PDB file of N, CA and C in Angstrom:
ATOM      1  N   MET A   1     -47.136  45.016  -3.962  1.00  0.00           N
ATOM      2  CA  MET A   1     -48.032  45.361  -3.866  1.00  0.00           C
ATOM      3  C   MET A   1     -48.348  45.910  -2.646  1.00  0.00           C
ATOM      4  N   LYS A   2     -48.459  47.379  -2.370  1.00  0.00           N
ATOM      5  CA  LYS A   2     -48.908  47.822  -1.126  1.00  0.00           C
ATOM      6  C   LYS A   2     -49.894  48.640  -1.034  1.00  0.00           C
ATOM      7  N   GLY A   3     -50.861  48.024  -0.196  1.00  0.00           N
ATOM      8  CA  GLY A   3     -51.987  48.564  -0.471  1.00  0.00           C
ATOM      9  C   GLY A   3     -52.773  48.614  -2.055  1.00  0.00           C
ATOM     10  N   GLU A   4     -53.129  49.755  -2.460  1.00  0.00           N
ATOM     11  CA  GLU A   4     -53.143  50.287  -4.035  1.00  0.00           C
ATOM     12  C   GLU A   4     -51.947  50.494  -4.683  1.00  0.00           C
ATOM     13  N   GLU A   5     -50.615  50.669  -4.022  1.00  0.00           N
ATOM     14  CA  GLU A   5     -49.597  51.002  -4.722  1.00  0.00           C
ATOM     15  C   GLU A   5     -49.328  49.758  -5.603  1.00  0.00           C
ATOM     16  N   VAL A   6     -48.429  49.655  -6.281  1.00  0.00           N
ATOM     17  CA  VAL A   6     -48.010  48.301  -7.115  1.00  0.00           C
ATOM     18  C   VAL A   6     -45.966  48.983  -6.839  1.00  0.00           C
ATOM     19  N   TYR A   7     -45.349  47.998  -6.844  1.00  0.00           N
ATOM     20  CA  TYR A   7     -44.070  48.165  -7.200  1.00  0.00           C
ATOM     21  C   TYR A   7     -43.339  47.331  -7.802  1.00  0.00           C
ATOM     22  N   ILE A   8     -42.700  47.829  -8.867  1.00  0.00           N
ATOM     23  CA  ILE A   8     -41.515  47.163  -9.937  1.00  0.00           C
ATOM     24  C   ILE A   8     -40.216  46.603  -8.990  1.00  0.00           C
ATOM     25  N   ASN A   9     -40.170  45.840  -9.383  1.00  0.00           N
ATOM     26  CA  ASN A   9     -38.272  45.103  -8.506  1.00  0.00           C
ATOM     27  C   ASN A   9     -38.276  44.524  -9.993  1.00  0.00           C
ATOM     28  N   LEU A  10     -36.891  45.432 -10.326  1.00  0.00           N
ATOM     29  CA  LEU A  10     -36.652  44.835 -11.561  1.00  0.00           C
ATOM     30  C   LEU A  10     -35.410  43.986 -11.756  1.00  0.00           C
ATOM     31  N   ASN A  11     -35.220  43.679 -10.384  1.00  0.00           N
ATOM     32  CA  ASN A  11     -34.286  42.248 -10.038  1.00  0.00           C
ATOM     33  C   ASN A  11     -34.304  41.901  -8.840  1.00  0.00           C
ATOM     34  N   PRO A  12     -35.020  41.632  -7.903  1.00  0.00           N
ATOM     35  CA  PRO A  12     -35.223  41.006  -6.746  1.00  0.00           C
ATOM     36  C   PRO A  12     -34.183  40.307  -6.475  1.00  0.00           C
ATOM     37  N   LYS A  13     -33.099  39.812  -6.944  1.00  0.00           N
ATOM     38  CA  LYS A  13     -32.015  38.863  -7.019  1.00  0.00           C
ATOM     39  C   LYS A  13     -30.804  39.725  -6.606  1.00  0.00           C
ATOM     40  N   SER A  14     -30.585  41.434  -6.818  1.00  0.00           N
ATOM     41  CA  SER A  14     -29.789  42.334  -6.843  1.00  0.00           C
ATOM     42  C   SER A  14     -30.143  43.435  -6.762  1.00  0.00           C
ATOM     43  N   PRO A  15     -29.033  43.908  -5.744  1.00  0.00           N
ATOM     44  CA  PRO A  15     -29.383  45.541  -5.545  1.00  0.00           C
ATOM     45  C   PRO A  15     -28.520  46.554  -6.665  1.00  0.00           C
ATOM     46  N   TYR A  16     -27.944  45.651  -7.323  1.00  0.00           N
ATOM     47  CA  TYR A  16     -27.008  46.348  -8.195  1.00  0.00           C
ATOM     48  C   TYR A  16     -27.560  47.547  -9.471  1.00  0.00           C
ATOM     49  N   TYR A  17     -28.010  47.903  -9.766  1.00  0.00           N
ATOM     50  CA  TYR A  17     -28.440  48.496 -11.381  1.00  0.00           C
ATOM     51  C   TYR A  17     -27.546  47.309 -12.626  1.00  0.00           C
ATOM     52  N   ALA A  18     -26.511  47.352 -12.129  1.00  0.00           N
ATOM     53  CA  ALA A  18     -25.957  47.031 -13.433  1.00  0.00           C
ATOM     54  C   ALA A  18     -26.361  45.555 -13.740  1.00  0.00           C
ATOM     55  N   ASP A  19     -26.948  44.933 -13.052  1.00  0.00           N
ATOM     56  CA  ASP A  19     -27.551  43.393 -13.188  1.00  0.00           C
ATOM     57  C   ASP A  19     -28.727  43.599 -13.178  1.00  0.00           C
ATOM     58  N   VAL A  20     -29.536  45.102 -13.795  1.00  0.00           N
ATOM     59  CA  VAL A  20     -30.636  45.246 -14.439  1.00  0.00           C
ATOM     60  C   VAL A  20     -30.715  45.268 -15.754  1.00  0.00           C
ATOM     61  N   ILE A  21     -30.152  45.340 -16.352  1.00  0.00           N
ATOM     62  CA  ILE A  21     -29.934  46.211 -18.021  1.00  0.00           C
ATOM     63  C   ILE A  21     -31.385  45.467 -18.828  1.00  0.00           C
ATOM     64  N   GLY A  22     -31.958  46.857 -19.056  1.00  0.00           N
ATOM     65  CA  GLY A  22     -33.392  46.420 -19.761  1.00  0.00           C
ATOM     66  C   GLY A  22     -34.118  46.803 -18.687  1.00  0.00           C
ATOM     67  N   GLY A  23     -33.938  47.267 -17.786  1.00  0.00           N
ATOM     68  CA  GLY A  23     -35.133  47.468 -16.742  1.00  0.00           C
ATOM     69  C   GLY A  23     -35.793  48.588 -17.364  1.00  0.00           C
ATOM     70  N   CYS A  24     -35.242  50.039 -18.055  1.00  0.00           N
ATOM     71  CA  CYS A  24     -35.900  50.892 -18.059  1.00  0.00           C
ATOM     72  C   CYS A  24     -37.159  50.481 -19.002  1.00  0.00           C
ATOM     73  N   LYS A  25     -36.782  49.634 -20.178  1.00  0.00           N
ATOM     74  CA  LYS A  25     -38.067  49.378 -21.127  1.00  0.00           C
ATOM     75  C   LYS A  25     -38.966  48.392 -20.139  1.00  0.00           C
ATOM     76  N   THR A  26     -38.981  47.587 -19.703  1.00  0.00           N
ATOM     77  CA  THR A  26     -39.836  47.598 -18.593  1.00  0.00           C
ATOM     78  C   THR A  26     -40.399  48.051 -17.806  1.00  0.00           C
ATOM     79  N   LEU A  27     -39.940  49.165 -17.213  1.00  0.00           N
ATOM     80  CA  LEU A  27     -40.898  50.283 -16.070  1.00  0.00           C
ATOM     81  C   LEU A  27     -41.583  50.885 -17.129  1.00  0.00           C
ATOM     82  N   MET A  28     -40.965  51.391 -18.350  1.00  0.00           N
ATOM     83  CA  MET A  28     -41.824  52.588 -19.417  1.00  0.00           C
ATOM     84  C   MET A  28     -43.041  51.427 -19.726  1.00  0.00           C
ATOM     85  N   LYS A  29     -43.189  50.051 -20.177  1.00  0.00           N
ATOM     86  CA  LYS A  29     -43.993  49.507 -20.471  1.00  0.00           C
ATOM     87  C   LYS A  29     -45.023  49.622 -19.463  1.00  0.00           C
ATOM     88  N   ALA A  30     -44.544  49.147 -18.196  1.00  0.00           N
ATOM     89  CA  ALA A  30     -45.535  49.106 -16.919  1.00  0.00           C
ATOM     90  C   ALA A  30     -46.194  49.909 -16.552  1.00  0.00           C
ATOM     91  N   GLU A  31     -45.168  51.303 -16.461  1.00  0.00           N
ATOM     92  CA  GLU A  31     -46.743  52.712 -16.722  1.00  0.00           C
ATOM     93  C   GLU A  31     -46.626  53.439 -17.341  1.00  0.00           C
ATOM     94  N   GLY A  32     -46.482  52.712 -18.883  1.00  0.00           N
ATOM     95  CA  GLY A  32     -47.851  53.063 -20.253  1.00  0.00           C
ATOM     96  C   GLY A  32     -47.014  54.319 -20.743  1.00  0.00           C
ATOM     97  N   LEU A  33     -45.412  54.634 -20.790  1.00  0.00           N
ATOM     98  CA  LEU A  33     -44.796  55.800 -21.004  1.00  0.00           C
ATOM     99  C   LEU A  33     -44.328  55.735 -22.399  1.00  0.00           C
ATOM    100  N   SER A  34     -44.219  56.582 -22.784  1.00  0.00           N
ATOM    101  CA  SER A  34     -43.849  57.187 -24.655  1.00  0.00           C
ATOM    102  C   SER A  34     -42.902  57.731 -25.085  1.00  0.00           C
ATOM    103  N   LEU A  35     -42.015  57.819 -25.966  1.00  0.00           N
ATOM    104  CA  LEU A  35     -41.413  58.605 -26.209  1.00  0.00           C
ATOM    105  C   LEU A  35     -42.137  59.877 -26.904  1.00  0.00           C
ATOM    106  N   PRO A  36     -41.421  61.666 -26.894  1.00  0.00           N
ATOM    107  CA  PRO A  36     -40.157  61.587 -26.100  1.00  0.00           C
ATOM    108  C   PRO A  36     -40.083  61.502 -24.439  1.00  0.00           C
ATOM    109  N   LEU A  37     -39.131  61.143 -23.874  1.00  0.00           N
ATOM    110  CA  LEU A  37     -39.107  61.607 -22.644  1.00  0.00           C
ATOM    111  C   LEU A  37     -37.492  61.959 -22.506  1.00  0.00           C
ATOM    112  N   ARG A  38     -37.394  62.506 -20.995  1.00  0.00           N
ATOM    113  CA  ARG A  38     -36.022  63.288 -20.645  1.00  0.00           C
ATOM    114  C   ARG A  38     -36.279  62.804 -19.434  1.00  0.00           C
ATOM    115  N   ALA A  39     -34.832  62.367 -18.776  1.00  0.00           N
ATOM    116  CA  ALA A  39     -34.824  62.164 -17.449  1.00  0.00           C
ATOM    117  C   ALA A  39     -33.812  62.861 -17.081  1.00  0.00           C
ATOM    118  N   THR A  40     -34.121  63.072 -15.418  1.00  0.00           N
ATOM    119  CA  THR A  40     -32.676  63.699 -14.577  1.00  0.00           C
ATOM    120  C   THR A  40     -32.303  63.018 -13.601  1.00  0.00           C
ATOM    121  N   VAL A  41     -31.220  62.317 -13.733  1.00  0.00           N
ATOM    122  CA  VAL A  41     -30.755  60.787 -12.294  1.00  0.00           C
ATOM    123  C   VAL A  41     -29.998  62.453 -11.407  1.00  0.00           C
ATOM    124  N   VAL A  42     -30.385  62.355 -10.454  1.00  0.00           N
ATOM    125  CA  VAL A  42     -29.464  63.269  -8.882  1.00  0.00           C
ATOM    126  C   VAL A  42     -28.599  62.073  -8.420  1.00  0.00           C
ATOM    127  N   VAL A  43     -27.360  62.132  -8.421  1.00  0.00           N
ATOM    128  CA  VAL A  43     -26.799  61.673  -7.807  1.00  0.00           C
ATOM    129  C   VAL A  43     -26.264  62.045  -6.244  1.00  0.00           C
ATOM    130  N   LEU A  44     -26.606  61.399  -4.863  1.00  0.00           N
ATOM    131  CA  LEU A  44     -25.939  62.639  -4.189  1.00  0.00           C
ATOM    132  C   LEU A  44     -24.846  61.663  -3.453  1.00  0.00           C
ATOM    133  N   VAL A  45     -23.952  62.337  -2.894  1.00  0.00           N
ATOM    134  CA  VAL A  45     -22.336  61.850  -2.547  1.00  0.00           C
ATOM    135  C   VAL A  45     -22.807  60.759  -1.256  1.00  0.00           C
ATOM    136  N   GLU A  46     -24.070  61.555  -0.402  1.00  0.00           N
ATOM    137  CA  GLU A  46     -24.433  60.109   0.436  1.00  0.00           C
ATOM    138  C   GLU A  46     -25.384  58.893   0.290  1.00  0.00           C
ATOM    139  N   GLY A  47     -25.346  58.707  -1.019  1.00  0.00           N
ATOM    140  CA  GLY A  47     -25.924  57.453  -1.400  1.00  0.00           C
ATOM    141  C   GLY A  47     -25.205  56.746  -1.184  1.00  0.00           C
ATOM    142  N   ASN A  48     -25.762  54.788  -2.075  1.00  0.00           N
ATOM    143  CA  ASN A  48     -25.520  53.752  -1.823  1.00  0.00           C
ATOM    144  C   ASN A  48     -24.795  53.279  -2.821  1.00  0.00           C
ATOM    145  N   GLY A  49     -24.572  54.047  -4.043  1.00  0.00           N
ATOM    146  CA  GLY A  49     -24.540  52.887  -5.105  1.00  0.00           C
ATOM    147  C   GLY A  49     -23.071  52.970  -5.499  1.00  0.00           C
ATOM    148  N   VAL A  50     -22.591  52.590  -6.761  1.00  0.00           N
ATOM    149  CA  VAL A  50     -21.291  52.840  -7.182  1.00  0.00           C
ATOM    150  C   VAL A  50     -21.376  53.367  -8.279  1.00  0.00           C
ATOM    151  N   GLU A  51     -19.958  53.209  -9.209  1.00  0.00           N
ATOM    152  CA  GLU A  51     -20.451  54.352 -10.128  1.00  0.00           C
ATOM    153  C   GLU A  51     -20.420  53.332 -11.753  1.00  0.00           C
ATOM    154  N   ALA A  52     -20.446  51.874 -11.236  1.00  0.00           N
ATOM    155  CA  ALA A  52     -20.520  51.224 -12.335  1.00  0.00           C
ATOM    156  C   ALA A  52     -22.298  51.290 -12.370  1.00  0.00           C
ATOM    157  N   ASP A  53     -23.273  51.669 -11.344  1.00  0.00           N
ATOM    158  CA  ASP A  53     -24.304  51.426 -10.849  1.00  0.00           C
ATOM    159  C   ASP A  53     -24.746  52.454 -12.093  1.00  0.00           C
ATOM    160  N   LEU A  54     -24.461  54.318 -11.807  1.00  0.00           N
ATOM    161  CA  LEU A  54     -25.047  55.136 -12.391  1.00  0.00           C
ATOM    162  C   LEU A  54     -24.723  54.816 -14.025  1.00  0.00           C
ATOM    163  N   LEU A  55     -22.811  54.691 -14.319  1.00  0.00           N
ATOM    164  CA  LEU A  55     -23.334  53.972 -15.467  1.00  0.00           C
ATOM    165  C   LEU A  55     -24.166  53.020 -16.801  1.00  0.00           C
ATOM    166  N   ALA A  56     -24.309  52.516 -15.959  1.00  0.00           N
ATOM    167  CA  ALA A  56     -25.572  51.445 -15.952  1.00  0.00           C
ATOM    168  C   ALA A  56     -26.794  51.474 -16.356  1.00  0.00           C
ATOM    169  N   LEU A  57     -27.152  52.725 -15.302  1.00  0.00           N
ATOM    170  CA  LEU A  57     -28.459  53.166 -15.062  1.00  0.00           C
ATOM    171  C   LEU A  57     -28.850  54.507 -16.224  1.00  0.00           C
ATOM    172  N   VAL A  58     -27.559  55.292 -17.185  1.00  0.00           N
ATOM    173  CA  VAL A  58     -27.670  56.063 -17.658  1.00  0.00           C
ATOM    174  C   VAL A  58     -27.610  55.534 -19.335  1.00  0.00           C
ATOM    175  N   GLU A  59     -26.536  54.687 -19.441  1.00  0.00           N
ATOM    176  CA  GLU A  59     -27.280  53.645 -20.750  1.00  0.00           C
ATOM    177  C   GLU A  59     -27.924  52.669 -21.032  1.00  0.00           C
ATOM    178  N   ASP A  60     -28.704  52.124 -19.904  1.00  0.00           N
ATOM    179  CA  ASP A  60     -30.239  51.737 -20.114  1.00  0.00           C
ATOM    180  C   ASP A  60     -30.984  52.475 -20.189  1.00  0.00           C
ATOM    181  N   ILE A  61     -31.046  53.890 -20.065  1.00  0.00           N
ATOM    182  CA  ILE A  61     -31.796  55.000 -20.082  1.00  0.00           C
ATOM    183  C   ILE A  61     -31.698  55.345 -21.462  1.00  0.00           C
ATOM    184  N   LYS A  62     -30.429  55.724 -22.087  1.00  0.00           N
ATOM    185  CA  LYS A  62     -30.200  56.143 -23.362  1.00  0.00           C
ATOM    186  C   LYS A  62     -31.166  55.170 -24.673  1.00  0.00           C
ATOM    187  N   SER A  63     -30.506  53.754 -23.968  1.00  0.00           N
ATOM    188  CA  SER A  63     -30.670  52.739 -24.984  1.00  0.00           C
ATOM    189  C   SER A  63     -32.331  52.603 -24.974  1.00  0.00           C
ATOM    190  N   CYS A  64     -32.975  53.157 -24.440  1.00  0.00           N
ATOM    191  CA  CYS A  64     -34.634  52.861 -24.631  1.00  0.00           C
ATOM    192  C   CYS A  64     -35.045  54.469 -25.414  1.00  0.00           C
ATOM    193  N   GLY A  65     -34.148  55.680 -25.476  1.00  0.00           N
ATOM    194  CA  GLY A  65     -34.312  56.436 -26.483  1.00  0.00           C
ATOM    195  C   GLY A  65     -34.534  57.606 -26.007  1.00  0.00           C
ATOM    196  N   ILE A  66     -34.190  57.637 -24.552  1.00  0.00           N
ATOM    197  CA  ILE A  66     -34.413  58.868 -23.605  1.00  0.00           C
ATOM    198  C   ILE A  66     -33.299  60.022 -23.353  1.00  0.00           C
ATOM    199  N   GLU A  67     -33.623  61.103 -23.303  1.00  0.00           N
ATOM    200  CA  GLU A  67     -32.504  61.929 -23.139  1.00  0.00           C
ATOM    201  C   GLU A  67     -32.186  61.939 -21.775  1.00  0.00           C
ATOM    202  N   VAL A  68     -31.020  61.965 -21.597  1.00  0.00           N
ATOM    203  CA  VAL A  68     -30.709  62.049 -19.770  1.00  0.00           C
ATOM    204  C   VAL A  68     -29.582  62.998 -19.493  1.00  0.00           C
ATOM    205  N   GLU A  69     -30.068  63.376 -18.285  1.00  0.00           N
ATOM    206  CA  GLU A  69     -28.874  64.453 -17.660  1.00  0.00           C
ATOM    207  C   GLU A  69     -28.770  64.002 -16.326  1.00  0.00           C
ATOM    208  N   VAL A  70     -27.612  64.175 -15.893  1.00  0.00           N
ATOM    209  CA  VAL A  70     -27.362  63.740 -14.502  1.00  0.00           C
ATOM    210  C   VAL A  70     -26.426  64.782 -13.492  1.00  0.00           C
ATOM    211  N   LEU A  71     -26.512  64.789 -12.304  1.00  0.00           N
ATOM    212  CA  LEU A  71     -26.359  66.101 -11.492  1.00  0.00           C
ATOM    213  C   LEU A  71     -26.057  65.220 -10.307  1.00  0.00           C
ATOM    214  N   ARG A  72     -24.993  65.966  -9.813  1.00  0.00           N
ATOM    215  CA  ARG A  72     -24.148  65.296  -8.982  1.00  0.00           C
ATOM    216  C   ARG A  72     -24.353  66.242  -8.243  1.00  0.00           C
ATOM    217  N   SER A  73     -24.890  66.370  -6.866  1.00  0.00           N
ATOM    218  CA  SER A  73     -24.794  67.159  -5.437  1.00  0.00           C
ATOM    219  C   SER A  73     -24.738  66.183  -3.773  1.00  0.00           C
ATOM    220  N   GLY A  74     -23.908  67.439  -3.241  1.00  0.00           N
ATOM    221  CA  GLY A  74     -24.347  66.716  -1.739  1.00  0.00           C
ATOM    222  C   GLY A  74     -25.876  67.398  -1.321  1.00  0.00           C
ATOM    223  N   PHE A  75     -26.430  66.732  -0.673  1.00  0.00           N
ATOM    224  CA  PHE A  75     -27.862  66.612  -0.042  1.00  0.00           C
ATOM    225  C   PHE A  75     -28.272  68.249   0.153  1.00  0.00           C
ATOM    226  N   SER A  76     -27.382  68.867   0.657  1.00  0.00           N
ATOM    227  CA  SER A  76     -27.511  69.952   1.335  1.00  0.00           C
ATOM    228  C   SER A  76     -27.328  71.151  -0.142  1.00  0.00           C
ATOM    229  N   GLU A  77     -26.827  71.140  -1.038  1.00  0.00           N
ATOM    230  CA  GLU A  77     -26.891  71.516  -2.302  1.00  0.00           C
ATOM    231  C   GLU A  77     -27.910  71.535  -2.817  1.00  0.00           C
ATOM    232  N   LEU A  78     -29.000  70.323  -2.551  1.00  0.00           N
ATOM    233  CA  LEU A  78     -30.005  70.515  -3.885  1.00  0.00           C
ATOM    234  C   LEU A  78     -31.124  71.722  -3.086  1.00  0.00           C
ATOM    235  N   PRO A  79     -31.754  72.043  -4.327  1.00  0.00           N
ATOM    236  CA  PRO A  79     -32.401  73.481  -4.246  1.00  0.00           C
ATOM    237  C   PRO A  79     -33.793  72.888  -3.561  1.00  0.00           C
ATOM    238  N   TRP A  80     -34.317  71.901  -3.493  1.00  0.00           N
ATOM    239  CA  TRP A  80     -35.550  71.782  -2.649  1.00  0.00           C
ATOM    240  C   TRP A  80     -35.205  71.659  -0.933  1.00  0.00           C
ATOM    241  N   LYS A  81     -33.975  70.870  -1.198  1.00  0.00           N
ATOM    242  CA  LYS A  81     -33.030  71.078   0.106  1.00  0.00           C
ATOM    243  C   LYS A  81     -33.248  72.450   1.064  1.00  0.00           C
ATOM    244  N   ARG A  82     -32.900  73.184   0.557  1.00  0.00           N
ATOM    245  CA  ARG A  82     -32.441  74.302   0.986  1.00  0.00           C
ATOM    246  C   ARG A  82     -33.841  74.981   1.236  1.00  0.00           C
ATOM    247  N   SER A  83     -34.595  74.817   0.715  1.00  0.00           N
ATOM    248  CA  SER A  83     -36.436  75.169   0.379  1.00  0.00           C
ATOM    249  C   SER A  83     -36.903  74.982   1.804  1.00  0.00           C
ATOM    250  N   MET A  84     -36.656  73.581   2.102  1.00  0.00           N
ATOM    251  CA  MET A  84     -36.606  72.701   3.505  1.00  0.00           C
ATOM    252  C   MET A  84     -36.378  73.605   4.733  1.00  0.00           C
ATOM    253  N   GLN A  85     -35.205  74.293   4.696  1.00  0.00           N
ATOM    254  CA  GLN A  85     -34.467  74.741   6.016  1.00  0.00           C
ATOM    255  C   GLN A  85     -34.911  75.747   6.789  1.00  0.00           C
TER     256      GLN A  85
END
């Protein structure tokens, strides 16, 4: 918790998403979200994750019944980055 903000750490023992399978359901419950939902995962070339993390995240999202789209881009190619320049 930071001030009035509550942070959910799905797995404090590991930085890898592959070790947090089931985290999507935990997050949905904590945030009071319900279906139908759609998610967009933006993957930046400058990121710190590995491909296994992305695959695990996408699989976890899909297992919750959420439609998921993956966008891969360099940071400078993203629309909101262009509008900030």
